[in-house]
């Protein structure tokens, strides 16, 4: 199991930027593919972005392409989500997730493929 702790959420105006961080502890996150999901009030949790163990394979939801960037620093056991040009529809709780025993170059879009989750960080974008 990997323990995950998100940070960096907050209130931002439309058009602004935030960088979320996810610090991993326990089982090293270098053995895990990582992902970000979000859940808006009254909605299902949705995929946002994913990154492979290798760090050179990424995948994004259509809504995130061109605006969000996922990256990882394995030396710091930390994954980041840089979010730019935010809009009110991005308002949600953002969760970091880890897929242990993942293949080196694989990325995963479905939440059932992840077995460790953080507590989430709130992102609120005002119009």
C-alpha atoms as a PDB file:
ATOM      1  CA  UNK A   1       0.000   0.000   0.000  1.00  0.00           C
ATOM      2  CA  UNK A   2       1.041   3.535  -0.737  1.00  0.00           C
ATOM      3  CA  UNK A   3      -0.058   6.426   1.425  1.00  0.00           C
ATOM      4  CA  UNK A   4      -0.903   9.534  -0.591  1.00  0.00           C
ATOM      5  CA  UNK A   5      -1.322  13.122   0.563  1.00  0.00           C
ATOM      6  CA  UNK A   6      -2.559  15.811  -1.787  1.00  0.00           C
ATOM      7  CA  UNK A   7      -1.955  19.520  -1.376  1.00  0.00           C
ATOM      8  CA  UNK A   8      -2.153  22.712  -3.375  1.00  0.00           C
ATOM      9  CA  UNK A   9      -5.890  23.105  -3.756  1.00  0.00           C
ATOM     10  CA  UNK A  10      -7.670  26.366  -3.101  1.00  0.00           C
ATOM     11  CA  UNK A  11      -9.805  29.135  -4.503  1.00  0.00           C
ATOM     12  CA  UNK A  12      -8.806  30.705  -7.803  1.00  0.00           C
ATOM     13  CA  UNK A  13     -10.468  32.956 -10.333  1.00  0.00           C
ATOM     14  CA  UNK A  14     -11.372  31.745 -13.789  1.00  0.00           C
ATOM     15  CA  UNK A  15      -8.340  31.845 -16.040  1.00  0.00           C
ATOM     16  CA  UNK A  16      -5.991  31.281 -13.125  1.00  0.00           C
ATOM     17  CA  UNK A  17      -3.610  28.439 -12.333  1.00  0.00           C
ATOM     18  CA  UNK A  18      -2.932  25.988  -9.537  1.00  0.00           C
ATOM     19  CA  UNK A  19      -0.391  23.256  -9.003  1.00  0.00           C
ATOM     20  CA  UNK A  20      -1.482  20.214  -7.055  1.00  0.00           C
ATOM     21  CA  UNK A  21       1.049  17.961  -5.377  1.00  0.00           C
ATOM     22  CA  UNK A  22       0.712  14.373  -4.245  1.00  0.00           C
ATOM     23  CA  UNK A  23       3.322  13.111  -1.807  1.00  0.00           C
ATOM     24  CA  UNK A  24       3.667   9.350  -1.533  1.00  0.00           C
ATOM     25  CA  UNK A  25       4.988   7.330   1.368  1.00  0.00           C
ATOM     26  CA  UNK A  26       5.129   3.693   2.312  1.00  0.00           C
ATOM     27  CA  UNK A  27       5.660   1.482  -0.685  1.00  0.00           C
ATOM     28  CA  UNK A  28       7.747   3.524  -3.059  1.00  0.00           C
ATOM     29  CA  UNK A  29       5.720   5.317  -5.662  1.00  0.00           C
ATOM     30  CA  UNK A  30       8.390   4.553  -8.273  1.00  0.00           C
ATOM     31  CA  UNK A  31       6.745   1.152  -8.673  1.00  0.00           C
ATOM     32  CA  UNK A  32       3.361   2.748  -9.321  1.00  0.00           C
ATOM     33  CA  UNK A  33       1.614   4.371 -12.205  1.00  0.00           C
ATOM     34  CA  UNK A  34      -0.102   7.482 -10.862  1.00  0.00           C
ATOM     35  CA  UNK A  35      -3.254   9.323 -11.698  1.00  0.00           C
ATOM     36  CA  UNK A  36      -5.418  12.292 -10.844  1.00  0.00           C
ATOM     37  CA  UNK A  37      -9.200  12.164 -10.685  1.00  0.00           C
ATOM     38  CA  UNK A  38     -11.794  14.703  -9.665  1.00  0.00           C
ATOM     39  CA  UNK A  39     -15.293  14.600  -8.276  1.00  0.00           C
ATOM     40  CA  UNK A  40     -17.698  17.500  -8.464  1.00  0.00           C
ATOM     41  CA  UNK A  41     -20.722  17.716  -6.148  1.00  0.00           C
ATOM     42  CA  UNK A  42     -23.425  15.284  -7.199  1.00  0.00           C
ATOM     43  CA  UNK A  43     -21.272  13.734  -9.906  1.00  0.00           C
ATOM     44  CA  UNK A  44     -19.241  10.591 -10.359  1.00  0.00           C
ATOM     45  CA  UNK A  45     -15.490  10.607  -9.894  1.00  0.00           C
ATOM     46  CA  UNK A  46     -13.821  11.259 -13.254  1.00  0.00           C
ATOM     47  CA  UNK A  47     -10.402  10.676 -14.721  1.00  0.00           C
ATOM     48  CA  UNK A  48      -8.240  13.762 -15.225  1.00  0.00           C
ATOM     49  CA  UNK A  49      -4.680  12.646 -15.990  1.00  0.00           C
ATOM     50  CA  UNK A  50      -2.273   9.746 -15.597  1.00  0.00           C
ATOM     51  CA  UNK A  51       1.449   9.136 -15.784  1.00  0.00           C
ATOM     52  CA  UNK A  52       3.432   5.935 -16.150  1.00  0.00           C
ATOM     53  CA  UNK A  53       6.114   4.634 -13.827  1.00  0.00           C
ATOM     54  CA  UNK A  54       8.642   5.609 -16.485  1.00  0.00           C
ATOM     55  CA  UNK A  55       7.372   9.182 -16.390  1.00  0.00           C
ATOM     56  CA  UNK A  56       7.404   9.565 -20.152  1.00  0.00           C
ATOM     57  CA  UNK A  57       3.907   8.285 -20.887  1.00  0.00           C
ATOM     58  CA  UNK A  58       0.951  10.468 -19.999  1.00  0.00           C
ATOM     59  CA  UNK A  59      -2.760  10.497 -20.709  1.00  0.00           C
ATOM     60  CA  UNK A  60      -5.376  13.178 -20.248  1.00  0.00           C
ATOM     61  CA  UNK A  61      -9.111  13.532 -20.238  1.00  0.00           C
ATOM     62  CA  UNK A  62     -10.321  15.624 -23.161  1.00  0.00           C
ATOM     63  CA  UNK A  63     -11.272  18.408 -20.755  1.00  0.00           C
ATOM     64  CA  UNK A  64      -7.699  18.547 -19.440  1.00  0.00           C
ATOM     65  CA  UNK A  65      -5.763  18.390 -22.700  1.00  0.00           C
ATOM     66  CA  UNK A  66      -3.858  21.571 -23.428  1.00  0.00           C
ATOM     67  CA  UNK A  67      -4.566  23.017 -19.977  1.00  0.00           C
ATOM     68  CA  UNK A  68      -3.240  20.488 -17.440  1.00  0.00           C
ATOM     69  CA  UNK A  69       0.152  18.824 -17.168  1.00  0.00           C
ATOM     70  CA  UNK A  70       0.931  15.800 -15.036  1.00  0.00           C
ATOM     71  CA  UNK A  71       4.509  15.131 -13.984  1.00  0.00           C
ATOM     72  CA  UNK A  72       6.419  13.172 -11.393  1.00  0.00           C
ATOM     73  CA  UNK A  73       9.630  13.521  -9.417  1.00  0.00           C
ATOM     74  CA  UNK A  74      10.552  10.016  -8.326  1.00  0.00           C
ATOM     75  CA  UNK A  75      13.420  11.288  -6.183  1.00  0.00           C
ATOM     76  CA  UNK A  76      10.845  13.171  -4.108  1.00  0.00           C
ATOM     77  CA  UNK A  77       8.115  10.529  -4.399  1.00  0.00           C
ATOM     78  CA  UNK A  78       5.815  13.284  -5.600  1.00  0.00           C
ATOM     79  CA  UNK A  79       3.389  13.666  -8.494  1.00  0.00           C
ATOM     80  CA  UNK A  80       2.173  17.042  -9.694  1.00  0.00           C
ATOM     81  CA  UNK A  81      -0.783  18.348 -11.619  1.00  0.00           C
ATOM     82  CA  UNK A  82      -0.200  21.779 -13.098  1.00  0.00           C
ATOM     83  CA  UNK A  83      -3.565  23.295 -13.992  1.00  0.00           C
ATOM     84  CA  UNK A  84      -3.865  26.398 -16.136  1.00  0.00           C
ATOM     85  CA  UNK A  85      -6.692  28.400 -17.674  1.00  0.00           C
ATOM     86  CA  UNK A  86      -9.054  27.069 -15.027  1.00  0.00           C
ATOM     87  CA  UNK A  87     -12.787  27.501 -15.401  1.00  0.00           C
ATOM     88  CA  UNK A  88     -15.705  27.005 -12.991  1.00  0.00           C
ATOM     89  CA  UNK A  89     -16.357  23.543 -14.447  1.00  0.00           C
ATOM     90  CA  UNK A  90     -13.008  22.449 -12.963  1.00  0.00           C
ATOM     91  CA  UNK A  91     -14.393  22.974  -9.456  1.00  0.00           C
ATOM     92  CA  UNK A  92     -14.155  19.626  -7.674  1.00  0.00           C
ATOM     93  CA  UNK A  93     -12.274  17.597  -5.116  1.00  0.00           C
ATOM     94  CA  UNK A  94      -9.103  16.316  -6.754  1.00  0.00           C
ATOM     95  CA  UNK A  95      -7.772  12.905  -5.790  1.00  0.00           C
ATOM     96  CA  UNK A  96      -4.386  11.370  -6.350  1.00  0.00           C
ATOM     97  CA  UNK A  97      -4.234   7.631  -6.977  1.00  0.00           C
ATOM     98  CA  UNK A  98      -1.554   4.956  -7.274  1.00  0.00           C
ATOM     99  CA  UNK A  99      -1.650   1.715  -9.234  1.00  0.00           C
ATOM    100  CA  UNK A 100       0.828  -0.662  -7.608  1.00  0.00           C
ATOM    101  CA  UNK A 101       2.577  -3.384  -9.583  1.00  0.00           C
ATOM    102  CA  UNK A 102       1.868  -1.508 -12.784  1.00  0.00           C
ATOM    103  CA  UNK A 103       3.743  -2.104 -16.003  1.00  0.00           C
ATOM    104  CA  UNK A 104       6.608   0.319 -16.588  1.00  0.00           C
ATOM    105  CA  UNK A 105       5.101   2.204 -19.502  1.00  0.00           C
ATOM    106  CA  UNK A 106       1.388   1.822 -18.748  1.00  0.00           C
ATOM    107  CA  UNK A 107      -1.086   4.557 -17.958  1.00  0.00           C
ATOM    108  CA  UNK A 108      -4.549   3.919 -16.581  1.00  0.00           C
ATOM    109  CA  UNK A 109      -7.788   5.844 -17.037  1.00  0.00           C
ATOM    110  CA  UNK A 110     -10.262   3.910 -14.891  1.00  0.00           C
ATOM    111  CA  UNK A 111     -10.446   4.219 -11.124  1.00  0.00           C
ATOM    112  CA  UNK A 112     -10.725   0.448 -10.658  1.00  0.00           C
ATOM    113  CA  UNK A 113      -7.141   0.127 -11.880  1.00  0.00           C
ATOM    114  CA  UNK A 114      -5.879   2.098  -8.890  1.00  0.00           C
ATOM    115  CA  UNK A 115      -5.577   0.607  -5.420  1.00  0.00           C
ATOM    116  CA  UNK A 116      -4.402   3.516  -3.287  1.00  0.00           C
ATOM    117  CA  UNK A 117      -6.120   6.885  -2.955  1.00  0.00           C
ATOM    118  CA  UNK A 118      -5.471  10.138  -1.168  1.00  0.00           C
ATOM    119  CA  UNK A 119      -8.033  12.076   0.835  1.00  0.00           C
ATOM    120  CA  UNK A 120      -8.451  14.740  -1.829  1.00  0.00           C
ATOM    121  CA  UNK A 121      -7.902  18.465  -2.095  1.00  0.00           C
ATOM    122  CA  UNK A 122     -10.617  20.975  -2.945  1.00  0.00           C
ATOM    123  CA  UNK A 123     -10.259  23.162  -6.020  1.00  0.00           C
ATOM    124  CA  UNK A 124     -12.778  25.967  -6.417  1.00  0.00           C
ATOM    125  CA  UNK A 125     -12.796  28.199  -9.480  1.00  0.00           C
ATOM    126  CA  UNK A 126     -14.873  31.356  -9.316  1.00  0.00           C
ATOM    127  CA  UNK A 127     -16.359  32.968 -12.393  1.00  0.00           C
END
